[in-house]
N, C-alpha and C. Protein backbone atom coordinates (compact mmCIF):
# COMPACT_ATOMS: atom_id res chain seq x y z
N MET A 1 -152.68 -100.15 60.66
CA MET A 1 -154.06 -100.23 61.09
C MET A 1 -154.35 -99.09 62.06
N SER A 2 -155.41 -98.42 61.85
CA SER A 2 -155.80 -97.32 62.71
C SER A 2 -156.57 -97.84 63.91
N LEU A 3 -156.27 -97.28 65.07
CA LEU A 3 -156.99 -97.70 66.27
C LEU A 3 -158.33 -96.99 66.41
N TRP A 4 -158.52 -95.91 65.70
CA TRP A 4 -159.78 -95.18 65.78
C TRP A 4 -160.43 -95.19 64.42
N HIS A 5 -161.53 -95.85 64.29
CA HIS A 5 -162.22 -95.96 63.01
C HIS A 5 -163.49 -95.12 63.09
N PRO A 6 -163.83 -94.36 62.06
CA PRO A 6 -164.99 -93.48 62.11
C PRO A 6 -166.31 -94.19 62.41
N ARG A 7 -166.45 -95.43 61.97
CA ARG A 7 -167.75 -96.09 62.22
C ARG A 7 -167.95 -96.43 63.69
N PHE A 8 -166.86 -96.44 64.47
CA PHE A 8 -166.99 -96.70 65.90
C PHE A 8 -167.11 -95.41 66.71
N SER A 9 -167.07 -94.31 66.06
CA SER A 9 -167.09 -93.03 66.74
C SER A 9 -168.44 -92.80 67.41
N HIS A 10 -168.39 -92.15 68.56
CA HIS A 10 -169.63 -91.88 69.29
C HIS A 10 -170.38 -90.68 68.71
N THR A 11 -169.79 -89.98 67.75
CA THR A 11 -170.46 -88.81 67.20
C THR A 11 -171.70 -89.18 66.41
N HIS A 12 -171.78 -90.41 65.90
CA HIS A 12 -172.96 -90.84 65.15
C HIS A 12 -174.15 -91.15 66.04
N SER A 13 -173.88 -91.51 67.29
CA SER A 13 -174.96 -91.91 68.19
C SER A 13 -175.61 -90.72 68.87
N GLY A 14 -174.95 -89.56 68.86
CA GLY A 14 -175.53 -88.40 69.52
C GLY A 14 -175.13 -88.27 70.97
N ALA A 15 -174.61 -89.32 71.58
CA ALA A 15 -174.19 -89.28 72.97
C ALA A 15 -172.82 -89.94 73.10
N PRO A 16 -171.95 -89.36 73.93
CA PRO A 16 -170.62 -89.97 74.09
C PRO A 16 -170.74 -91.33 74.77
N GLY A 17 -169.84 -92.24 74.39
CA GLY A 17 -169.85 -93.56 74.98
C GLY A 17 -168.49 -94.21 74.86
N PHE A 18 -168.37 -95.36 75.44
CA PHE A 18 -167.10 -96.07 75.44
C PHE A 18 -167.16 -97.37 74.65
N SER A 19 -168.21 -97.56 73.86
CA SER A 19 -168.36 -98.84 73.16
C SER A 19 -167.20 -99.10 72.22
N SER A 20 -166.69 -98.07 71.54
CA SER A 20 -165.56 -98.29 70.63
C SER A 20 -164.31 -98.69 71.40
N LEU A 21 -164.11 -98.12 72.56
CA LEU A 21 -162.94 -98.48 73.39
C LEU A 21 -163.05 -99.93 73.84
N PHE A 22 -164.22 -100.34 74.31
CA PHE A 22 -164.41 -101.71 74.77
C PHE A 22 -164.26 -102.70 73.62
N ARG A 23 -164.77 -102.34 72.46
CA ARG A 23 -164.64 -103.19 71.28
C ARG A 23 -163.17 -103.36 70.91
N MET A 24 -162.41 -102.25 70.99
CA MET A 24 -160.99 -102.31 70.68
C MET A 24 -160.25 -103.20 71.69
N LEU A 25 -160.58 -103.08 72.96
CA LEU A 25 -159.95 -103.92 73.98
C LEU A 25 -160.27 -105.39 73.77
N ASP A 26 -161.51 -105.70 73.39
CA ASP A 26 -161.87 -107.09 73.11
C ASP A 26 -161.09 -107.62 71.91
N ASP A 27 -160.96 -106.79 70.87
CA ASP A 27 -160.18 -107.20 69.70
C ASP A 27 -158.73 -107.45 70.08
N PHE A 28 -158.18 -106.59 70.92
CA PHE A 28 -156.80 -106.78 71.35
C PHE A 28 -156.64 -108.07 72.14
N ASP A 29 -157.58 -108.37 73.04
CA ASP A 29 -157.52 -109.61 73.81
C ASP A 29 -157.53 -110.83 72.89
N ARG A 30 -158.41 -110.82 71.88
CA ARG A 30 -158.46 -111.94 70.94
C ARG A 30 -157.15 -112.06 70.17
N TYR A 31 -156.61 -110.92 69.72
CA TYR A 31 -155.36 -110.93 68.98
C TYR A 31 -154.22 -111.46 69.85
N ALA A 32 -154.14 -110.99 71.09
CA ALA A 32 -153.08 -111.43 71.99
C ALA A 32 -153.18 -112.92 72.27
N ALA A 33 -154.39 -113.43 72.43
CA ALA A 33 -154.57 -114.87 72.68
C ALA A 33 -154.13 -115.68 71.48
N GLN A 34 -154.44 -115.21 70.29
CA GLN A 34 -154.01 -115.92 69.08
C GLN A 34 -152.50 -115.92 68.95
N GLN A 35 -151.87 -114.78 69.22
CA GLN A 35 -150.41 -114.69 69.11
C GLN A 35 -149.73 -115.56 70.15
N LEU A 36 -150.26 -115.59 71.35
CA LEU A 36 -149.71 -116.42 72.41
C LEU A 36 -149.80 -117.88 72.03
N GLY A 37 -150.91 -118.28 71.43
CA GLY A 37 -151.08 -119.66 70.98
C GLY A 37 -150.06 -120.03 69.93
N LYS A 38 -149.72 -119.10 69.03
CA LYS A 38 -148.74 -119.38 67.99
C LYS A 38 -147.36 -119.61 68.58
N PHE A 39 -147.01 -118.81 69.60
CA PHE A 39 -145.68 -118.92 70.18
C PHE A 39 -145.53 -120.17 71.03
N GLU A 40 -146.60 -120.61 71.68
CA GLU A 40 -146.53 -121.78 72.54
C GLU A 40 -146.84 -123.07 71.80
N GLY A 41 -147.17 -122.98 70.53
CA GLY A 41 -147.52 -124.16 69.77
C GLY A 41 -148.90 -124.69 70.14
N SER A 42 -149.72 -123.87 70.72
CA SER A 42 -151.04 -124.25 71.16
C SER A 42 -152.03 -124.17 70.01
N THR A 43 -153.13 -124.89 70.14
CA THR A 43 -154.20 -124.80 69.16
C THR A 43 -155.22 -123.75 69.58
N SER A 44 -154.89 -122.97 70.57
CA SER A 44 -155.73 -121.91 71.13
C SER A 44 -157.12 -122.42 71.50
N VAL A 45 -157.18 -123.55 72.22
CA VAL A 45 -158.43 -124.07 72.73
C VAL A 45 -158.81 -123.24 73.95
N ALA A 46 -160.00 -122.75 73.96
CA ALA A 46 -160.45 -121.94 75.08
C ALA A 46 -160.60 -122.81 76.33
N THR A 47 -160.20 -122.27 77.45
CA THR A 47 -160.37 -123.00 78.69
C THR A 47 -161.79 -122.78 79.19
N PHE A 48 -162.24 -123.70 80.00
CA PHE A 48 -163.61 -123.63 80.50
C PHE A 48 -163.61 -122.92 81.84
N SER A 49 -164.37 -121.86 81.95
CA SER A 49 -164.52 -121.13 83.19
C SER A 49 -166.01 -120.81 83.36
N PRO A 50 -166.69 -121.60 84.19
CA PRO A 50 -168.13 -121.38 84.33
C PRO A 50 -168.44 -120.04 84.97
N ARG A 51 -169.56 -119.49 84.59
CA ARG A 51 -170.01 -118.20 85.14
C ARG A 51 -170.97 -118.45 86.29
N PHE A 52 -170.82 -117.64 87.33
CA PHE A 52 -171.65 -117.77 88.52
C PHE A 52 -172.31 -116.45 88.85
N ASP A 53 -173.49 -116.53 89.45
CA ASP A 53 -174.15 -115.40 90.09
C ASP A 53 -174.08 -115.66 91.58
N LEU A 54 -173.77 -114.63 92.36
CA LEU A 54 -173.70 -114.76 93.82
C LEU A 54 -174.57 -113.67 94.42
N ALA A 55 -175.61 -114.10 95.14
CA ALA A 55 -176.54 -113.15 95.75
C ALA A 55 -176.52 -113.31 97.26
N GLU A 56 -176.61 -112.19 97.95
CA GLU A 56 -176.67 -112.21 99.42
C GLU A 56 -178.09 -111.91 99.85
N HIS A 57 -178.63 -112.76 100.71
CA HIS A 57 -179.95 -112.57 101.30
C HIS A 57 -179.76 -112.28 102.78
N ASN A 58 -180.86 -112.09 103.51
CA ASN A 58 -180.75 -111.78 104.94
C ASN A 58 -179.99 -112.84 105.72
N ASN A 59 -180.26 -114.11 105.43
CA ASN A 59 -179.68 -115.18 106.23
C ASN A 59 -178.87 -116.20 105.43
N LYS A 60 -178.59 -115.89 104.15
CA LYS A 60 -177.86 -116.87 103.33
C LYS A 60 -177.24 -116.20 102.12
N TYR A 61 -176.33 -116.94 101.49
CA TYR A 61 -175.77 -116.59 100.19
C TYR A 61 -176.24 -117.67 99.21
N VAL A 62 -176.55 -117.26 97.98
CA VAL A 62 -176.98 -118.20 96.97
C VAL A 62 -176.07 -118.04 95.75
N LEU A 63 -175.44 -119.14 95.36
CA LEU A 63 -174.60 -119.16 94.17
C LEU A 63 -175.32 -119.97 93.10
N GLN A 64 -175.34 -119.47 91.89
CA GLN A 64 -175.91 -120.20 90.76
C GLN A 64 -174.88 -120.16 89.64
N GLY A 65 -174.45 -121.35 89.23
CA GLY A 65 -173.43 -121.44 88.20
C GLY A 65 -173.90 -122.21 87.00
N GLU A 66 -173.52 -121.74 85.82
CA GLU A 66 -173.86 -122.42 84.57
C GLU A 66 -172.77 -123.43 84.25
N LEU A 67 -173.13 -124.69 84.21
CA LEU A 67 -172.19 -125.77 83.91
C LEU A 67 -172.74 -126.65 82.80
N PRO A 68 -172.91 -126.10 81.60
CA PRO A 68 -173.48 -126.90 80.51
C PRO A 68 -172.56 -128.04 80.12
N GLY A 69 -173.15 -129.21 79.98
CA GLY A 69 -172.38 -130.37 79.54
C GLY A 69 -171.52 -131.01 80.61
N VAL A 70 -171.61 -130.53 81.84
CA VAL A 70 -170.82 -131.09 82.94
C VAL A 70 -171.70 -132.05 83.72
N ALA A 71 -171.19 -133.25 83.96
CA ALA A 71 -171.93 -134.23 84.75
C ALA A 71 -171.77 -133.89 86.23
N PRO A 72 -172.82 -134.06 87.03
CA PRO A 72 -172.72 -133.74 88.46
C PRO A 72 -171.59 -134.49 89.17
N GLN A 73 -171.28 -135.70 88.74
CA GLN A 73 -170.21 -136.45 89.40
C GLN A 73 -168.83 -135.87 89.08
N ASN A 74 -168.74 -134.96 88.13
CA ASN A 74 -167.47 -134.31 87.79
C ASN A 74 -167.28 -132.97 88.48
N VAL A 75 -168.13 -132.67 89.48
CA VAL A 75 -168.05 -131.40 90.20
C VAL A 75 -167.79 -131.68 91.67
N GLU A 76 -166.86 -130.92 92.26
CA GLU A 76 -166.56 -131.01 93.69
C GLU A 76 -166.74 -129.65 94.33
N ILE A 77 -167.32 -129.64 95.52
CA ILE A 77 -167.52 -128.41 96.28
C ILE A 77 -166.92 -128.63 97.65
N GLU A 78 -166.05 -127.70 98.08
CA GLU A 78 -165.44 -127.86 99.40
C GLU A 78 -165.07 -126.50 99.98
N PHE A 79 -164.96 -126.45 101.30
CA PHE A 79 -164.48 -125.27 101.99
C PHE A 79 -163.00 -125.46 102.28
N THR A 80 -162.19 -124.47 101.93
CA THR A 80 -160.76 -124.53 102.23
C THR A 80 -160.44 -123.85 103.56
N ASP A 81 -161.33 -122.97 104.01
CA ASP A 81 -161.25 -122.38 105.35
C ASP A 81 -162.66 -121.96 105.75
N ASP A 82 -162.78 -121.21 106.83
CA ASP A 82 -164.10 -120.89 107.38
C ASP A 82 -165.00 -120.10 106.44
N GLN A 83 -164.42 -119.31 105.54
CA GLN A 83 -165.23 -118.44 104.70
C GLN A 83 -164.95 -118.59 103.21
N THR A 84 -164.19 -119.59 102.79
CA THR A 84 -163.81 -119.74 101.39
C THR A 84 -164.35 -121.05 100.82
N LEU A 85 -165.16 -120.92 99.78
CA LEU A 85 -165.77 -122.06 99.11
C LEU A 85 -165.10 -122.24 97.75
N VAL A 86 -164.75 -123.47 97.41
CA VAL A 86 -164.12 -123.77 96.12
C VAL A 86 -165.03 -124.73 95.35
N VAL A 87 -165.35 -124.37 94.11
CA VAL A 87 -166.10 -125.22 93.21
C VAL A 87 -165.13 -125.59 92.10
N ARG A 88 -164.88 -126.90 91.95
CA ARG A 88 -163.96 -127.34 90.89
C ARG A 88 -164.54 -128.55 90.20
N GLY A 89 -164.05 -128.79 89.02
CA GLY A 89 -164.52 -129.93 88.27
C GLY A 89 -163.90 -129.96 86.89
N ARG A 90 -164.54 -130.72 86.02
CA ARG A 90 -164.02 -130.83 84.66
C ARG A 90 -165.18 -131.15 83.71
N THR A 91 -164.99 -130.70 82.50
CA THR A 91 -165.92 -131.04 81.43
C THR A 91 -165.10 -131.76 80.37
N GLU A 92 -165.67 -132.81 79.86
CA GLU A 92 -164.94 -133.64 78.91
C GLU A 92 -165.54 -133.49 77.53
N HIS A 93 -164.67 -133.55 76.55
CA HIS A 93 -165.09 -133.42 75.16
C HIS A 93 -164.13 -134.26 74.34
N SER A 94 -164.68 -135.20 73.60
CA SER A 94 -163.81 -136.01 72.75
C SER A 94 -164.13 -135.67 71.31
N ARG A 95 -163.09 -135.62 70.51
CA ARG A 95 -163.31 -135.36 69.10
C ARG A 95 -162.29 -136.13 68.30
N THR A 96 -162.64 -136.38 67.06
CA THR A 96 -161.75 -137.11 66.16
C THR A 96 -161.54 -136.27 64.92
N GLU A 97 -160.50 -136.57 64.19
CA GLU A 97 -160.21 -135.88 62.94
C GLU A 97 -160.57 -136.80 61.79
N GLY A 98 -160.87 -136.25 60.64
CA GLY A 98 -161.26 -137.07 59.51
C GLY A 98 -160.98 -136.40 58.19
N ASP A 99 -161.76 -136.75 57.21
CA ASP A 99 -161.56 -136.31 55.84
C ASP A 99 -162.59 -135.26 55.46
N PRO A 100 -162.20 -134.16 54.78
CA PRO A 100 -163.19 -133.14 54.40
C PRO A 100 -164.25 -133.65 53.43
N ALA A 101 -164.02 -134.79 52.80
CA ALA A 101 -165.02 -135.34 51.88
C ALA A 101 -166.31 -135.69 52.61
N LEU A 102 -166.24 -135.89 53.91
CA LEU A 102 -167.45 -136.19 54.68
C LEU A 102 -168.41 -135.01 54.64
N LEU A 103 -167.85 -133.79 54.66
CA LEU A 103 -168.71 -132.62 54.63
C LEU A 103 -169.30 -132.38 53.25
N GLU A 104 -168.59 -132.80 52.20
CA GLU A 104 -169.05 -132.58 50.85
C GLU A 104 -170.05 -133.64 50.39
N GLY A 105 -170.17 -134.72 51.12
CA GLY A 105 -171.14 -135.75 50.79
C GLY A 105 -170.70 -136.69 49.69
N THR A 106 -169.41 -136.76 49.42
CA THR A 106 -168.95 -137.69 48.38
C THR A 106 -168.91 -139.10 48.94
N SER A 107 -168.79 -140.04 48.05
CA SER A 107 -168.79 -141.43 48.48
C SER A 107 -167.42 -141.88 49.01
N GLU A 108 -166.40 -141.06 48.79
CA GLU A 108 -165.07 -141.42 49.26
C GLU A 108 -164.89 -140.91 50.69
N THR A 109 -165.14 -141.74 51.64
CA THR A 109 -164.95 -141.38 53.04
C THR A 109 -164.01 -142.35 53.69
N LYS A 110 -163.23 -141.86 54.60
CA LYS A 110 -162.32 -142.73 55.33
C LYS A 110 -163.07 -143.36 56.49
N ARG A 111 -162.69 -144.55 56.79
CA ARG A 111 -163.31 -145.25 57.90
C ARG A 111 -162.25 -145.59 58.93
N VAL A 112 -162.64 -145.52 60.18
CA VAL A 112 -161.74 -145.86 61.26
C VAL A 112 -162.02 -147.29 61.68
N GLU A 113 -161.27 -147.78 62.64
CA GLU A 113 -161.48 -149.15 63.11
C GLU A 113 -162.92 -149.32 63.56
N GLY A 114 -163.50 -150.43 63.23
CA GLY A 114 -164.89 -150.69 63.59
C GLY A 114 -165.85 -150.23 62.51
N GLY A 115 -165.35 -149.64 61.42
CA GLY A 115 -166.20 -149.27 60.31
C GLY A 115 -166.94 -147.94 60.46
N GLU A 116 -166.65 -147.13 61.49
CA GLU A 116 -167.33 -145.86 61.66
C GLU A 116 -166.67 -144.78 60.81
N GLN A 117 -167.48 -143.84 60.34
CA GLN A 117 -166.93 -142.72 59.60
C GLN A 117 -166.24 -141.77 60.57
N LYS A 118 -165.18 -141.15 60.11
CA LYS A 118 -164.38 -140.27 60.96
C LYS A 118 -164.54 -138.84 60.47
N PRO A 119 -165.27 -137.97 61.20
CA PRO A 119 -165.47 -136.59 60.74
C PRO A 119 -164.23 -135.74 60.96
N ARG A 120 -164.13 -134.69 60.17
CA ARG A 120 -163.06 -133.72 60.33
C ARG A 120 -163.67 -132.41 60.80
N TYR A 121 -163.16 -131.88 61.87
CA TYR A 121 -163.68 -130.63 62.42
C TYR A 121 -163.02 -129.45 61.71
N TRP A 122 -163.86 -128.55 61.23
CA TRP A 122 -163.37 -127.34 60.59
C TRP A 122 -163.39 -126.18 61.57
N LEU A 123 -164.17 -126.33 62.62
CA LEU A 123 -164.29 -125.29 63.63
C LEU A 123 -164.62 -125.95 64.95
N SER A 124 -163.94 -125.55 66.00
CA SER A 124 -164.22 -126.06 67.33
C SER A 124 -164.16 -124.91 68.31
N GLU A 125 -165.33 -124.46 68.79
CA GLU A 125 -165.40 -123.31 69.67
C GLU A 125 -165.80 -123.68 71.10
N ARG A 126 -166.19 -124.90 71.32
CA ARG A 126 -166.62 -125.29 72.66
C ARG A 126 -165.43 -125.37 73.60
N SER A 127 -165.63 -124.92 74.81
CA SER A 127 -164.58 -124.95 75.81
C SER A 127 -164.70 -126.20 76.65
N TYR A 128 -163.57 -126.72 77.06
CA TYR A 128 -163.59 -127.90 77.91
C TYR A 128 -162.30 -127.95 78.71
N GLY A 129 -162.31 -128.80 79.71
CA GLY A 129 -161.13 -128.96 80.56
C GLY A 129 -161.51 -128.83 82.01
N GLU A 130 -160.50 -128.62 82.84
CA GLU A 130 -160.72 -128.48 84.28
C GLU A 130 -161.00 -127.02 84.60
N PHE A 131 -161.78 -126.82 85.66
CA PHE A 131 -162.07 -125.47 86.11
C PHE A 131 -162.04 -125.43 87.62
N SER A 132 -161.86 -124.24 88.15
CA SER A 132 -161.88 -124.02 89.58
C SER A 132 -162.31 -122.58 89.84
N ARG A 133 -163.30 -122.41 90.68
CA ARG A 133 -163.77 -121.08 91.06
C ARG A 133 -163.71 -120.99 92.57
N VAL A 134 -163.24 -119.85 93.09
CA VAL A 134 -163.09 -119.64 94.52
C VAL A 134 -163.97 -118.47 94.93
N PHE A 135 -164.76 -118.67 95.99
CA PHE A 135 -165.64 -117.64 96.50
C PHE A 135 -165.34 -117.44 97.98
N THR A 136 -165.02 -116.20 98.35
CA THR A 136 -164.75 -115.87 99.76
C THR A 136 -165.89 -115.01 100.26
N PHE A 137 -166.54 -115.45 101.32
CA PHE A 137 -167.68 -114.75 101.88
C PHE A 137 -167.20 -113.72 102.89
N PRO A 138 -167.87 -112.57 102.98
CA PRO A 138 -167.43 -111.51 103.88
C PRO A 138 -167.73 -111.78 105.36
N ALA A 139 -168.58 -112.74 105.64
CA ALA A 139 -168.95 -113.06 107.02
C ALA A 139 -168.89 -114.57 107.21
N ALA A 140 -168.94 -114.99 108.47
CA ALA A 140 -168.91 -116.42 108.78
C ALA A 140 -170.14 -117.11 108.21
N VAL A 141 -169.94 -118.36 107.76
CA VAL A 141 -171.03 -119.16 107.20
C VAL A 141 -171.14 -120.47 107.97
N ASP A 142 -172.32 -121.10 107.86
CA ASP A 142 -172.57 -122.37 108.53
C ASP A 142 -172.30 -123.50 107.53
N GLN A 143 -171.10 -124.03 107.56
CA GLN A 143 -170.69 -125.05 106.59
C GLN A 143 -171.51 -126.33 106.68
N ASP A 144 -172.02 -126.64 107.86
CA ASP A 144 -172.77 -127.88 108.05
C ASP A 144 -174.15 -127.85 107.38
N LYS A 145 -174.65 -126.69 107.05
CA LYS A 145 -176.00 -126.59 106.47
C LYS A 145 -176.00 -126.19 105.00
N VAL A 146 -174.84 -126.27 104.35
CA VAL A 146 -174.75 -125.92 102.93
C VAL A 146 -175.48 -126.98 102.10
N GLN A 147 -176.24 -126.53 101.12
CA GLN A 147 -176.97 -127.44 100.23
C GLN A 147 -176.60 -127.13 98.78
N ALA A 148 -176.47 -128.18 97.98
CA ALA A 148 -176.16 -128.01 96.56
C ALA A 148 -177.10 -128.87 95.73
N LYS A 149 -177.60 -128.29 94.64
CA LYS A 149 -178.48 -129.00 93.71
C LYS A 149 -177.97 -128.75 92.29
N PHE A 150 -178.14 -129.75 91.46
CA PHE A 150 -177.68 -129.65 90.06
C PHE A 150 -178.83 -130.08 89.16
N LYS A 151 -179.32 -129.15 88.34
CA LYS A 151 -180.43 -129.48 87.45
C LYS A 151 -180.29 -128.68 86.16
N ASP A 152 -180.44 -129.36 85.04
CA ASP A 152 -180.43 -128.74 83.71
C ASP A 152 -179.18 -127.89 83.47
N GLY A 153 -178.03 -128.35 83.94
CA GLY A 153 -176.78 -127.64 83.70
C GLY A 153 -176.55 -126.45 84.61
N VAL A 154 -177.40 -126.28 85.62
CA VAL A 154 -177.25 -125.16 86.55
C VAL A 154 -176.99 -125.72 87.96
N LEU A 155 -175.90 -125.27 88.57
CA LEU A 155 -175.54 -125.67 89.92
C LEU A 155 -176.01 -124.59 90.88
N ASP A 156 -176.89 -124.96 91.82
CA ASP A 156 -177.39 -124.04 92.85
C ASP A 156 -176.77 -124.43 94.18
N ILE A 157 -176.10 -123.49 94.82
CA ILE A 157 -175.50 -123.73 96.13
C ILE A 157 -176.06 -122.70 97.09
N THR A 158 -176.64 -123.18 98.19
CA THR A 158 -177.17 -122.31 99.24
C THR A 158 -176.24 -122.41 100.45
N VAL A 159 -175.70 -121.27 100.84
CA VAL A 159 -174.74 -121.22 101.95
C VAL A 159 -175.34 -120.34 103.05
N PRO A 160 -175.86 -120.96 104.13
CA PRO A 160 -176.44 -120.16 105.22
C PRO A 160 -175.37 -119.37 105.97
N LYS A 161 -175.75 -118.18 106.37
CA LYS A 161 -174.86 -117.39 107.22
C LYS A 161 -174.86 -117.98 108.62
N ALA A 162 -173.74 -117.86 109.31
CA ALA A 162 -173.65 -118.36 110.69
C ALA A 162 -174.48 -117.45 111.58
N GLU A 163 -175.12 -118.07 112.56
CA GLU A 163 -175.92 -117.28 113.49
C GLU A 163 -175.00 -116.43 114.35
N LYS A 164 -175.42 -115.19 114.51
CA LYS A 164 -174.64 -114.29 115.36
C LYS A 164 -174.90 -114.64 116.81
N ARG A 165 -173.82 -114.75 117.51
CA ARG A 165 -173.96 -115.06 118.94
C ARG A 165 -174.01 -113.77 119.72
N GLY A 166 -174.88 -113.75 120.69
CA GLY A 166 -174.98 -112.58 121.57
C GLY A 166 -173.88 -112.62 122.60
N GLY A 167 -173.83 -111.59 123.38
CA GLY A 167 -172.83 -111.53 124.44
C GLY A 167 -173.10 -112.61 125.49
N LYS A 168 -172.08 -112.99 126.19
CA LYS A 168 -172.22 -114.02 127.21
C LYS A 168 -171.58 -113.51 128.49
N ARG A 169 -172.34 -113.60 129.56
CA ARG A 169 -171.84 -113.15 130.86
C ARG A 169 -171.11 -114.31 131.53
N ILE A 170 -169.95 -114.01 132.03
CA ILE A 170 -169.13 -115.00 132.75
C ILE A 170 -169.17 -114.68 134.23
N THR A 171 -169.52 -115.68 135.01
CA THR A 171 -169.55 -115.48 136.46
C THR A 171 -168.19 -115.83 137.05
N ILE A 172 -167.82 -115.06 138.02
CA ILE A 172 -166.54 -115.28 138.71
C ILE A 172 -166.77 -116.22 139.88
N GLN A 173 -165.91 -117.20 140.00
CA GLN A 173 -166.08 -118.18 141.09
C GLN A 173 -165.11 -117.92 142.20
């Protein structure tokens, strides 16, 4: 297999770029993950790692994380030290295996206990499991005034910056 394919060449676009290199690296990552799964006997289920945006404002930090399918009661937020915030939780997904005849619509379907039909998954791309994200702030924060809201699968965390203390004069007695 050639690592450089003409259709990925930047000469067709008129301007040099790195898209072919990035595409190749992504392909290699996918290949390596598949090979690792084969050696470990894994089914190569993707782990869940929510994505966050972190913005700094004049007096606060705002974190917004996408947690689709995660119930608010399955999320924990805590400070491990003065400037480190940890968001952890889990997303649950249950699935069953069944007979491919269910997809074909034939009358021969297997039934599980209770008389329900048992589907067979041909593809499963959703990620699930436990997750943990760690955020370290560059300055002191006011842990007592942190607020968190969860709506429509988006976790909003507002972390106020600690008030800067001015100098203090000490009198000698």
